[in-house]
Amino acid sequence: MGTSIKLTPRYNPGLYAQTSPGPVVTNTIVATSIIGSGVGELTVPPNNFQVGDSYNAKLGGIVSAGNNHELTIIIKSDGTVLTTSGLIPLSTSTNQAWECEIDFTITSIGATGSVITNGNFVFNRNSGAYEGRAFNDTEIINTTTPQALDVEIQWAQESASDSIVCYQFVLHKTYGITKLF
């Protein structure tokens, strides 16, 4: 009579949690990372992706903007732009909450691998109403090299009334085959 051993895969999808605010991006048109320091990793080692690996990132913070001032959210992996929000016109907002959620799925691997990215950005206006934008794209990435995730903000104008800071950023792996051996 044989003995059966059942292994229960342990899956810890938490990859990164920001523990300190990111930099305040204000009065500049230079694209700037908004991710603060934290625990975990934002880099996937070379040859570690598998087709179907999926991730979710959620960011939030405070934004102030002059009426009709514009910003762009840029999602990058190892310098490659995965997607951008395009120019988002903002209504007047002063120290209002914002949130951005991004989903990624690896659809092929290798030197010409691909990733589909879907995201949305929403913020409060001073009037109390929400505004936002959804965005998506499919891009080629080289999964044989390390891939480091970054989120940048680029204002369309230099204005001291425009500022954004990220107070929370969490990255999870939402789907992927866990290799036990």
N, C-alpha and C. Protein backbone atom coordinates (compact mmCIF):
# COMPACT_ATOMS: atom_id res chain seq x y z
N MET A 1 0.84 -1.16 0.00
CA MET A 1 0.00 0.00 0.00
C MET A 1 0.90 1.24 0.00
N GLY A 2 0.62 2.14 -0.90
CA GLY A 2 1.42 3.35 -1.03
C GLY A 2 0.91 4.48 -0.15
N THR A 3 1.78 5.42 0.07
CA THR A 3 1.42 6.60 0.84
C THR A 3 1.26 7.77 -0.12
N SER A 4 0.20 8.49 0.04
CA SER A 4 -0.06 9.63 -0.81
C SER A 4 0.25 10.92 -0.04
N ILE A 5 0.99 11.77 -0.67
CA ILE A 5 1.30 13.07 -0.07
C ILE A 5 0.70 14.15 -0.95
N LYS A 6 -0.13 14.97 -0.37
CA LYS A 6 -0.75 16.06 -1.12
C LYS A 6 -0.03 17.35 -0.75
N LEU A 7 0.50 18.02 -1.76
CA LEU A 7 1.16 19.30 -1.55
C LEU A 7 0.18 20.41 -1.86
N THR A 8 0.01 21.29 -0.94
CA THR A 8 -0.85 22.44 -1.15
C THR A 8 0.03 23.61 -1.57
N PRO A 9 -0.16 24.10 -2.79
CA PRO A 9 0.66 25.24 -3.21
C PRO A 9 0.40 26.44 -2.31
N ARG A 10 1.44 27.09 -1.93
CA ARG A 10 1.31 28.33 -1.17
C ARG A 10 1.50 29.48 -2.13
N TYR A 11 0.53 30.32 -2.17
CA TYR A 11 0.56 31.40 -3.13
C TYR A 11 0.48 32.72 -2.39
N ASN A 12 1.52 33.48 -2.48
CA ASN A 12 1.56 34.80 -1.87
C ASN A 12 1.65 35.82 -2.99
N PRO A 13 0.51 36.37 -3.40
CA PRO A 13 0.53 37.26 -4.55
C PRO A 13 1.09 38.65 -4.27
N GLY A 14 1.34 39.01 -3.01
CA GLY A 14 1.86 40.33 -2.71
C GLY A 14 3.30 40.47 -3.19
N LEU A 15 3.55 41.44 -4.05
CA LEU A 15 4.89 41.62 -4.61
C LEU A 15 5.58 42.89 -4.11
N TYR A 16 4.78 43.96 -3.88
CA TYR A 16 5.37 45.23 -3.45
C TYR A 16 4.31 46.03 -2.72
N ALA A 17 4.74 46.70 -1.65
CA ALA A 17 3.87 47.63 -0.92
C ALA A 17 4.69 48.86 -0.58
N GLN A 18 4.23 50.00 -1.06
CA GLN A 18 4.90 51.27 -0.77
C GLN A 18 4.69 51.60 0.70
N THR A 19 5.77 51.99 1.39
CA THR A 19 5.68 52.32 2.81
C THR A 19 6.02 53.79 3.11
N SER A 20 6.49 54.51 2.10
CA SER A 20 6.78 55.95 2.23
C SER A 20 6.21 56.67 1.02
N PRO A 21 5.71 57.88 1.20
CA PRO A 21 5.16 58.60 0.06
C PRO A 21 6.18 58.75 -1.06
N GLY A 22 5.67 58.75 -2.29
CA GLY A 22 6.52 59.05 -3.43
C GLY A 22 6.81 60.54 -3.48
N PRO A 23 7.64 60.97 -4.43
CA PRO A 23 7.95 62.40 -4.55
C PRO A 23 6.72 63.19 -5.00
N VAL A 24 6.64 64.43 -4.56
CA VAL A 24 5.59 65.33 -5.04
C VAL A 24 6.03 65.83 -6.41
N VAL A 25 5.19 65.61 -7.41
CA VAL A 25 5.50 66.06 -8.77
C VAL A 25 4.74 67.35 -9.00
N THR A 26 5.48 68.46 -9.07
CA THR A 26 4.85 69.77 -9.18
C THR A 26 5.71 70.72 -10.01
N ASN A 27 5.05 71.64 -10.71
CA ASN A 27 5.71 72.72 -11.42
C ASN A 27 6.80 72.24 -12.38
N THR A 28 6.54 71.13 -13.07
CA THR A 28 7.50 70.59 -14.04
C THR A 28 6.77 69.88 -15.16
N ILE A 29 7.39 69.84 -16.33
CA ILE A 29 6.85 69.07 -17.45
C ILE A 29 7.68 67.81 -17.69
N VAL A 30 8.61 67.53 -16.78
CA VAL A 30 9.46 66.34 -16.89
C VAL A 30 8.72 65.14 -16.31
N ALA A 31 8.63 64.05 -17.07
CA ALA A 31 8.01 62.83 -16.56
C ALA A 31 8.80 62.35 -15.35
N THR A 32 8.10 62.10 -14.24
CA THR A 32 8.73 61.77 -12.96
C THR A 32 8.05 60.59 -12.32
N SER A 33 8.85 59.64 -11.82
CA SER A 33 8.29 58.49 -11.11
C SER A 33 7.58 58.96 -9.85
N ILE A 34 6.44 58.35 -9.57
CA ILE A 34 5.68 58.72 -8.36
C ILE A 34 5.73 57.63 -7.30
N ILE A 35 6.45 56.56 -7.56
CA ILE A 35 6.49 55.45 -6.61
C ILE A 35 7.47 55.74 -5.49
N GLY A 36 7.00 55.57 -4.27
CA GLY A 36 7.85 55.75 -3.10
C GLY A 36 8.53 54.45 -2.72
N SER A 37 9.41 54.52 -1.73
CA SER A 37 10.10 53.31 -1.28
C SER A 37 9.13 52.40 -0.55
N GLY A 38 9.48 51.11 -0.52
CA GLY A 38 8.60 50.15 0.11
C GLY A 38 9.27 48.81 0.31
N VAL A 39 8.45 47.80 0.54
CA VAL A 39 8.94 46.44 0.75
C VAL A 39 8.50 45.57 -0.42
N GLY A 40 9.32 44.60 -0.75
CA GLY A 40 9.04 43.72 -1.87
C GLY A 40 9.86 44.11 -3.08
N GLU A 41 9.42 43.66 -4.24
CA GLU A 41 10.17 43.86 -5.48
C GLU A 41 9.28 44.41 -6.58
N LEU A 42 9.84 45.29 -7.38
CA LEU A 42 9.18 45.79 -8.58
C LEU A 42 9.84 45.24 -9.84
N THR A 43 10.84 44.38 -9.67
CA THR A 43 11.58 43.82 -10.81
C THR A 43 11.33 42.32 -10.91
N VAL A 44 10.99 41.88 -12.12
CA VAL A 44 10.85 40.46 -12.40
C VAL A 44 12.15 40.01 -13.06
N PRO A 45 12.80 38.96 -12.53
CA PRO A 45 14.07 38.50 -13.09
C PRO A 45 13.91 38.00 -14.54
N PRO A 46 15.02 37.92 -15.28
CA PRO A 46 14.96 37.43 -16.66
C PRO A 46 14.39 36.01 -16.72
N ASN A 47 13.66 35.75 -17.80
CA ASN A 47 13.10 34.42 -18.08
C ASN A 47 12.19 33.90 -16.98
N ASN A 48 11.59 34.79 -16.22
CA ASN A 48 10.71 34.38 -15.12
C ASN A 48 9.23 34.47 -15.48
N PHE A 49 8.88 35.26 -16.48
CA PHE A 49 7.49 35.37 -16.90
C PHE A 49 7.03 34.09 -17.58
N GLN A 50 5.75 33.79 -17.42
CA GLN A 50 5.10 32.71 -18.15
C GLN A 50 3.86 33.30 -18.81
N VAL A 51 3.45 32.72 -19.93
CA VAL A 51 2.24 33.18 -20.60
C VAL A 51 1.07 33.07 -19.63
N GLY A 52 0.33 34.13 -19.51
CA GLY A 52 -0.82 34.18 -18.61
C GLY A 52 -0.54 34.85 -17.28
N ASP A 53 0.73 35.04 -16.92
CA ASP A 53 1.03 35.75 -15.68
C ASP A 53 0.30 37.09 -15.70
N SER A 54 -0.41 37.37 -14.64
CA SER A 54 -1.21 38.59 -14.57
C SER A 54 -0.96 39.31 -13.25
N TYR A 55 -0.99 40.63 -13.30
CA TYR A 55 -0.65 41.48 -12.16
C TYR A 55 -1.66 42.60 -12.04
N ASN A 56 -1.82 43.10 -10.82
CA ASN A 56 -2.67 44.25 -10.55
C ASN A 56 -1.89 45.23 -9.70
N ALA A 57 -1.90 46.49 -10.10
CA ALA A 57 -1.27 47.56 -9.33
C ALA A 57 -2.35 48.57 -8.97
N LYS A 58 -2.31 49.04 -7.74
CA LYS A 58 -3.27 50.04 -7.29
C LYS A 58 -2.50 51.16 -6.59
N LEU A 59 -2.72 52.38 -7.04
CA LEU A 59 -2.03 53.55 -6.50
C LEU A 59 -3.07 54.57 -6.07
N GLY A 60 -2.69 55.40 -5.11
CA GLY A 60 -3.58 56.46 -4.69
C GLY A 60 -2.83 57.56 -3.98
N GLY A 61 -3.41 58.73 -3.95
CA GLY A 61 -2.76 59.85 -3.29
C GLY A 61 -3.61 61.11 -3.35
N ILE A 62 -2.91 62.24 -3.43
CA ILE A 62 -3.55 63.55 -3.42
C ILE A 62 -3.11 64.33 -4.66
N VAL A 63 -4.06 65.02 -5.29
CA VAL A 63 -3.77 65.83 -6.47
C VAL A 63 -4.36 67.22 -6.29
N SER A 64 -3.65 68.21 -6.81
CA SER A 64 -4.15 69.58 -6.95
C SER A 64 -3.87 70.02 -8.37
N ALA A 65 -4.82 70.71 -8.98
CA ALA A 65 -4.63 71.15 -10.36
C ALA A 65 -5.47 72.36 -10.66
N GLY A 66 -4.94 73.22 -11.53
CA GLY A 66 -5.71 74.34 -12.04
C GLY A 66 -6.74 73.83 -13.04
N ASN A 67 -7.78 74.61 -13.29
CA ASN A 67 -8.83 74.19 -14.20
C ASN A 67 -8.29 73.97 -15.60
N ASN A 68 -8.64 72.83 -16.18
CA ASN A 68 -8.22 72.41 -17.52
C ASN A 68 -6.72 72.17 -17.64
N HIS A 69 -6.00 72.06 -16.53
CA HIS A 69 -4.61 71.65 -16.61
C HIS A 69 -4.58 70.15 -16.89
N GLU A 70 -3.53 69.69 -17.58
CA GLU A 70 -3.51 68.31 -18.05
C GLU A 70 -2.30 67.55 -17.52
N LEU A 71 -2.53 66.25 -17.31
CA LEU A 71 -1.42 65.36 -16.96
C LEU A 71 -1.55 64.07 -17.74
N THR A 72 -0.43 63.34 -17.81
CA THR A 72 -0.38 62.03 -18.45
C THR A 72 0.20 61.04 -17.46
N ILE A 73 -0.40 59.86 -17.37
CA ILE A 73 0.13 58.77 -16.57
C ILE A 73 0.87 57.84 -17.53
N ILE A 74 2.11 57.50 -17.20
CA ILE A 74 2.94 56.67 -18.06
C ILE A 74 3.33 55.41 -17.28
N ILE A 75 2.99 54.25 -17.81
CA ILE A 75 3.32 52.97 -17.18
C ILE A 75 4.48 52.37 -17.97
N LYS A 76 5.58 52.07 -17.27
CA LYS A 76 6.78 51.56 -17.94
C LYS A 76 7.24 50.25 -17.31
N SER A 77 7.90 49.44 -18.12
CA SER A 77 8.58 48.25 -17.65
C SER A 77 9.98 48.28 -18.25
N ASP A 78 10.98 48.42 -17.40
CA ASP A 78 12.38 48.49 -17.82
C ASP A 78 12.58 49.53 -18.92
N GLY A 79 11.91 50.67 -18.78
CA GLY A 79 12.06 51.77 -19.73
C GLY A 79 11.12 51.71 -20.92
N THR A 80 10.49 50.56 -21.17
CA THR A 80 9.54 50.43 -22.27
C THR A 80 8.18 50.94 -21.81
N VAL A 81 7.59 51.85 -22.59
CA VAL A 81 6.26 52.35 -22.25
C VAL A 81 5.24 51.26 -22.57
N LEU A 82 4.55 50.78 -21.53
CA LEU A 82 3.51 49.77 -21.71
C LEU A 82 2.20 50.41 -22.14
N THR A 83 1.88 51.54 -21.55
CA THR A 83 0.68 52.29 -21.91
C THR A 83 0.77 53.68 -21.29
N THR A 84 0.02 54.60 -21.84
CA THR A 84 -0.15 55.91 -21.23
C THR A 84 -1.63 56.22 -21.19
N SER A 85 -1.97 57.14 -20.33
CA SER A 85 -3.37 57.56 -20.24
C SER A 85 -3.73 58.53 -21.34
N GLY A 86 -2.72 59.07 -22.04
CA GLY A 86 -2.98 60.21 -22.90
C GLY A 86 -3.20 61.41 -22.01
N LEU A 87 -3.33 62.58 -22.61
CA LEU A 87 -3.55 63.79 -21.81
C LEU A 87 -4.91 63.73 -21.13
N ILE A 88 -4.91 63.92 -19.82
CA ILE A 88 -6.15 63.93 -19.04
C ILE A 88 -6.38 65.37 -18.58
N PRO A 89 -7.43 66.03 -19.07
CA PRO A 89 -7.74 67.37 -18.58
C PRO A 89 -8.39 67.27 -17.19
N LEU A 90 -7.88 68.06 -16.26
CA LEU A 90 -8.40 68.04 -14.90
C LEU A 90 -9.23 69.30 -14.63
N SER A 91 -10.29 69.12 -13.90
CA SER A 91 -11.04 70.27 -13.39
C SER A 91 -10.34 70.76 -12.13
N THR A 92 -10.70 71.95 -11.71
CA THR A 92 -10.07 72.50 -10.51
C THR A 92 -10.17 71.52 -9.35
N SER A 93 -9.01 71.23 -8.76
CA SER A 93 -8.98 70.34 -7.60
C SER A 93 -7.88 70.81 -6.66
N THR A 94 -8.19 70.82 -5.38
CA THR A 94 -7.24 71.24 -4.36
C THR A 94 -7.17 70.17 -3.29
N ASN A 95 -6.02 69.52 -3.20
CA ASN A 95 -5.80 68.45 -2.22
C ASN A 95 -6.93 67.41 -2.23
N GLN A 96 -7.22 66.91 -3.42
CA GLN A 96 -8.27 65.93 -3.61
C GLN A 96 -7.68 64.53 -3.81
N ALA A 97 -8.45 63.53 -3.46
CA ALA A 97 -8.00 62.14 -3.60
C ALA A 97 -8.01 61.72 -5.07
N TRP A 98 -7.06 60.84 -5.41
CA TRP A 98 -7.03 60.21 -6.73
C TRP A 98 -6.69 58.73 -6.55
N GLU A 99 -7.03 57.92 -7.56
CA GLU A 99 -6.70 56.50 -7.55
C GLU A 99 -6.48 56.04 -8.99
N CYS A 100 -5.51 55.15 -9.14
CA CYS A 100 -5.22 54.56 -10.44
C CYS A 100 -5.07 53.06 -10.24
N GLU A 101 -5.75 52.28 -11.08
CA GLU A 101 -5.64 50.83 -11.02
C GLU A 101 -5.18 50.34 -12.38
N ILE A 102 -4.22 49.41 -12.39
CA ILE A 102 -3.62 48.92 -13.62
C ILE A 102 -3.56 47.40 -13.59
N ASP A 103 -3.96 46.76 -14.67
CA ASP A 103 -3.85 45.31 -14.81
C ASP A 103 -2.94 45.00 -15.99
N PHE A 104 -2.08 43.97 -15.81
CA PHE A 104 -1.15 43.53 -16.86
C PHE A 104 -1.30 42.03 -17.05
N THR A 105 -1.22 41.55 -18.28
CA THR A 105 -1.17 40.12 -18.56
C THR A 105 -0.11 39.85 -19.61
N ILE A 106 0.77 38.89 -19.33
CA ILE A 106 1.79 38.48 -20.28
C ILE A 106 1.11 37.56 -21.30
N THR A 107 1.15 37.94 -22.58
CA THR A 107 0.48 37.14 -23.61
C THR A 107 1.45 36.32 -24.45
N SER A 108 2.73 36.66 -24.42
CA SER A 108 3.76 35.82 -25.04
C SER A 108 5.09 36.17 -24.39
N ILE A 109 6.05 35.25 -24.47
CA ILE A 109 7.35 35.45 -23.82
C ILE A 109 8.47 35.39 -24.84
N GLY A 110 9.67 35.78 -24.40
CA GLY A 110 10.84 35.78 -25.27
C GLY A 110 11.32 37.20 -25.54
N ALA A 111 12.27 37.32 -26.46
CA ALA A 111 12.83 38.63 -26.79
C ALA A 111 11.78 39.57 -27.37
N THR A 112 10.75 39.00 -28.01
CA THR A 112 9.65 39.80 -28.53
C THR A 112 8.34 39.38 -27.87
N GLY A 113 8.39 39.24 -26.54
CA GLY A 113 7.19 38.91 -25.77
C GLY A 113 6.20 40.06 -25.82
N SER A 114 5.02 39.83 -25.30
CA SER A 114 4.04 40.92 -25.29
C SER A 114 3.25 40.94 -23.99
N VAL A 115 2.78 42.12 -23.68
CA VAL A 115 1.98 42.35 -22.48
C VAL A 115 0.82 43.26 -22.84
N ILE A 116 -0.35 42.91 -22.35
CA ILE A 116 -1.50 43.78 -22.51
C ILE A 116 -1.73 44.48 -21.18
N THR A 117 -1.95 45.78 -21.25
CA THR A 117 -2.10 46.60 -20.04
C THR A 117 -3.42 47.36 -20.13
N ASN A 118 -4.15 47.36 -19.04
CA ASN A 118 -5.42 48.08 -18.95
C ASN A 118 -5.39 48.89 -17.66
N GLY A 119 -5.81 50.13 -17.72
CA GLY A 119 -5.79 50.95 -16.51
C GLY A 119 -6.93 51.94 -16.45
N ASN A 120 -7.11 52.52 -15.27
CA ASN A 120 -8.06 53.61 -15.12
C ASN A 120 -7.55 54.56 -14.04
N PHE A 121 -7.90 55.82 -14.21
CA PHE A 121 -7.51 56.89 -13.29
C PHE A 121 -8.76 57.67 -12.95
N VAL A 122 -8.98 57.91 -11.67
CA VAL A 122 -10.12 58.70 -11.24
C VAL A 122 -9.67 59.66 -10.14
N PHE A 123 -10.26 60.85 -10.12
CA PHE A 123 -9.93 61.82 -9.07
C PHE A 123 -11.17 62.61 -8.69
N ASN A 124 -11.13 63.19 -7.50
CA ASN A 124 -12.22 64.04 -7.02
C ASN A 124 -11.97 65.47 -7.49
N ARG A 125 -13.03 66.12 -7.91
CA ARG A 125 -12.96 67.56 -8.22
C ARG A 125 -13.38 68.31 -6.97
N ASN A 126 -13.07 69.59 -6.92
CA ASN A 126 -13.51 70.40 -5.78
C ASN A 126 -15.03 70.41 -5.65
N SER A 127 -15.73 70.22 -6.77
CA SER A 127 -17.20 70.23 -6.74
C SER A 127 -17.75 68.97 -6.07
N GLY A 128 -16.89 67.97 -5.84
CA GLY A 128 -17.33 66.73 -5.22
C GLY A 128 -17.57 65.60 -6.20
N ALA A 129 -17.64 65.91 -7.49
CA ALA A 129 -17.86 64.88 -8.51
C ALA A 129 -16.54 64.20 -8.87
N TYR A 130 -16.64 62.98 -9.36
CA TYR A 130 -15.47 62.23 -9.83
C TYR A 130 -15.28 62.44 -11.32
N GLU A 131 -14.04 62.43 -11.75
CA GLU A 131 -13.70 62.42 -13.17
C GLU A 131 -12.65 61.36 -13.38
N GLY A 132 -12.53 60.87 -14.59
CA GLY A 132 -11.50 59.86 -14.82
C GLY A 132 -11.34 59.48 -16.27
N ARG A 133 -10.48 58.50 -16.47
CA ARG A 133 -10.19 58.01 -17.81
C ARG A 133 -9.73 56.57 -17.72
N ALA A 134 -10.14 55.76 -18.69
CA ALA A 134 -9.64 54.39 -18.83
C ALA A 134 -8.68 54.36 -20.02
N PHE A 135 -7.70 53.46 -19.97
CA PHE A 135 -6.72 53.37 -21.05
C PHE A 135 -6.19 51.95 -21.16
N ASN A 136 -5.71 51.58 -22.34
CA ASN A 136 -5.12 50.24 -22.53
C ASN A 136 -4.21 50.22 -23.74
N ASP A 137 -3.38 49.17 -23.81
CA ASP A 137 -2.44 49.03 -24.92
C ASP A 137 -1.82 47.63 -24.86
N THR A 138 -1.28 47.19 -25.96
CA THR A 138 -0.49 45.97 -26.03
C THR A 138 0.88 46.35 -26.56
N GLU A 139 1.93 45.93 -25.86
CA GLU A 139 3.30 46.30 -26.26
C GLU A 139 4.21 45.09 -26.23
N ILE A 140 5.32 45.20 -26.95
CA ILE A 140 6.36 44.18 -26.96
C ILE A 140 7.30 44.44 -25.80
N ILE A 141 7.64 43.38 -25.04
CA ILE A 141 8.66 43.47 -24.00
C ILE A 141 9.58 42.27 -24.12
N ASN A 142 10.81 42.46 -23.72
CA ASN A 142 11.81 41.39 -23.76
C ASN A 142 11.79 40.70 -22.40
N THR A 143 11.15 39.54 -22.33
CA THR A 143 11.04 38.84 -21.06
C THR A 143 12.31 38.07 -20.71
N THR A 144 13.33 38.14 -21.58
CA THR A 144 14.60 37.47 -21.29
C THR A 144 15.55 38.39 -20.52
N THR A 145 15.10 39.62 -20.25
CA THR A 145 15.87 40.57 -19.46
C THR A 145 15.05 40.97 -18.23
N PRO A 146 15.69 41.50 -17.20
CA PRO A 146 14.92 41.95 -16.02
C PRO A 146 13.92 43.04 -16.43
N GLN A 147 12.74 43.00 -15.83
CA GLN A 147 11.70 43.98 -16.13
C GLN A 147 11.30 44.70 -14.84
N ALA A 148 11.60 45.99 -14.76
CA ALA A 148 11.31 46.79 -13.56
C ALA A 148 10.13 47.72 -13.85
N LEU A 149 9.08 47.61 -13.05
CA LEU A 149 7.87 48.41 -13.21
C LEU A 149 8.09 49.82 -12.67
N ASP A 150 7.54 50.81 -13.40
CA ASP A 150 7.56 52.19 -12.93
C ASP A 150 6.28 52.87 -13.38
N VAL A 151 5.83 53.84 -12.60
CA VAL A 151 4.68 54.67 -12.94
C VAL A 151 5.14 56.12 -12.85
N GLU A 152 4.96 56.85 -13.95
CA GLU A 152 5.39 58.24 -14.00
C GLU A 152 4.20 59.16 -14.26
N ILE A 153 4.35 60.39 -13.81
CA ILE A 153 3.38 61.45 -14.09
C ILE A 153 4.10 62.52 -14.89
N GLN A 154 3.42 63.02 -15.91
CA GLN A 154 3.96 64.15 -16.67
C GLN A 154 2.87 65.20 -16.82
N TRP A 155 3.14 66.36 -16.24
CA TRP A 155 2.23 67.49 -16.40
C TRP A 155 2.44 68.09 -17.78
N ALA A 156 1.39 68.63 -18.40
CA ALA A 156 1.48 69.26 -19.71
C ALA A 156 1.92 70.72 -19.61
N GLN A 157 1.94 71.25 -18.40
CA GLN A 157 2.31 72.65 -18.18
C GLN A 157 3.09 72.75 -16.87
N GLU A 158 3.92 73.77 -16.79
CA GLU A 158 4.61 74.06 -15.52
C GLU A 158 3.75 75.03 -14.75
N SER A 159 3.27 74.60 -13.59
CA SER A 159 2.42 75.46 -12.78
C SER A 159 2.56 75.06 -11.31
N ALA A 160 2.77 76.04 -10.47
CA ALA A 160 2.88 75.76 -9.03
C ALA A 160 1.55 75.27 -8.45
N SER A 161 0.45 75.49 -9.17
CA SER A 161 -0.85 75.01 -8.67
C SER A 161 -1.08 73.52 -8.96
N ASP A 162 -0.21 72.92 -9.77
CA ASP A 162 -0.35 71.51 -10.13
C ASP A 162 0.60 70.66 -9.29
N SER A 163 0.06 69.69 -8.57
CA SER A 163 0.90 68.78 -7.81
C SER A 163 0.18 67.45 -7.64
N ILE A 164 0.97 66.39 -7.57
CA ILE A 164 0.41 65.06 -7.34
C ILE A 164 1.43 64.27 -6.53
N VAL A 165 0.93 63.49 -5.58
CA VAL A 165 1.79 62.64 -4.76
C VAL A 165 1.09 61.30 -4.59
N CYS A 166 1.89 60.24 -4.57
CA CYS A 166 1.38 58.89 -4.37
C CYS A 166 1.67 58.47 -2.94
N TYR A 167 0.61 58.22 -2.16
CA TYR A 167 0.77 57.79 -0.78
C TYR A 167 0.69 56.27 -0.62
N GLN A 168 0.06 55.60 -1.59
CA GLN A 168 -0.05 54.15 -1.49
C GLN A 168 0.10 53.53 -2.87
N PHE A 169 0.91 52.49 -2.94
CA PHE A 169 1.10 51.71 -4.16
C PHE A 169 1.26 50.26 -3.74
N VAL A 170 0.41 49.39 -4.27
CA VAL A 170 0.49 47.96 -3.95
C VAL A 170 0.45 47.19 -5.27
N LEU A 171 1.36 46.22 -5.40
CA LEU A 171 1.42 45.37 -6.59
C LEU A 171 1.18 43.93 -6.17
N HIS A 172 0.24 43.26 -6.87
CA HIS A 172 -0.11 41.86 -6.61
C HIS A 172 0.03 41.06 -7.89
N LYS A 173 0.38 39.81 -7.76
CA LYS A 173 0.26 38.87 -8.87
C LYS A 173 -1.10 38.23 -8.71
N THR A 174 -1.94 38.36 -9.75
CA THR A 174 -3.31 37.87 -9.65
C THR A 174 -3.51 36.52 -10.31
N TYR A 175 -2.61 36.14 -11.23
CA TYR A 175 -2.69 34.81 -11.84
C TYR A 175 -1.30 34.39 -12.28
N GLY A 176 -1.02 33.13 -12.13
CA GLY A 176 0.25 32.58 -12.62
C GLY A 176 0.43 31.19 -12.05
N ILE A 177 1.07 30.36 -12.79
CA ILE A 177 1.36 29.00 -12.36
C ILE A 177 2.51 29.05 -11.37
N THR A 178 2.30 28.50 -10.20
CA THR A 178 3.34 28.45 -9.19
C THR A 178 4.11 27.15 -9.37
N LYS A 179 5.41 27.26 -9.59
CA LYS A 179 6.26 26.08 -9.73
C LYS A 179 6.69 25.60 -8.35
N LEU A 180 6.33 24.38 -8.00
CA LEU A 180 6.71 23.84 -6.69
C LEU A 180 8.10 23.24 -6.71
N PHE A 181 8.53 22.75 -7.86
CA PHE A 181 9.84 22.12 -7.96
C PHE A 181 10.58 22.65 -9.16
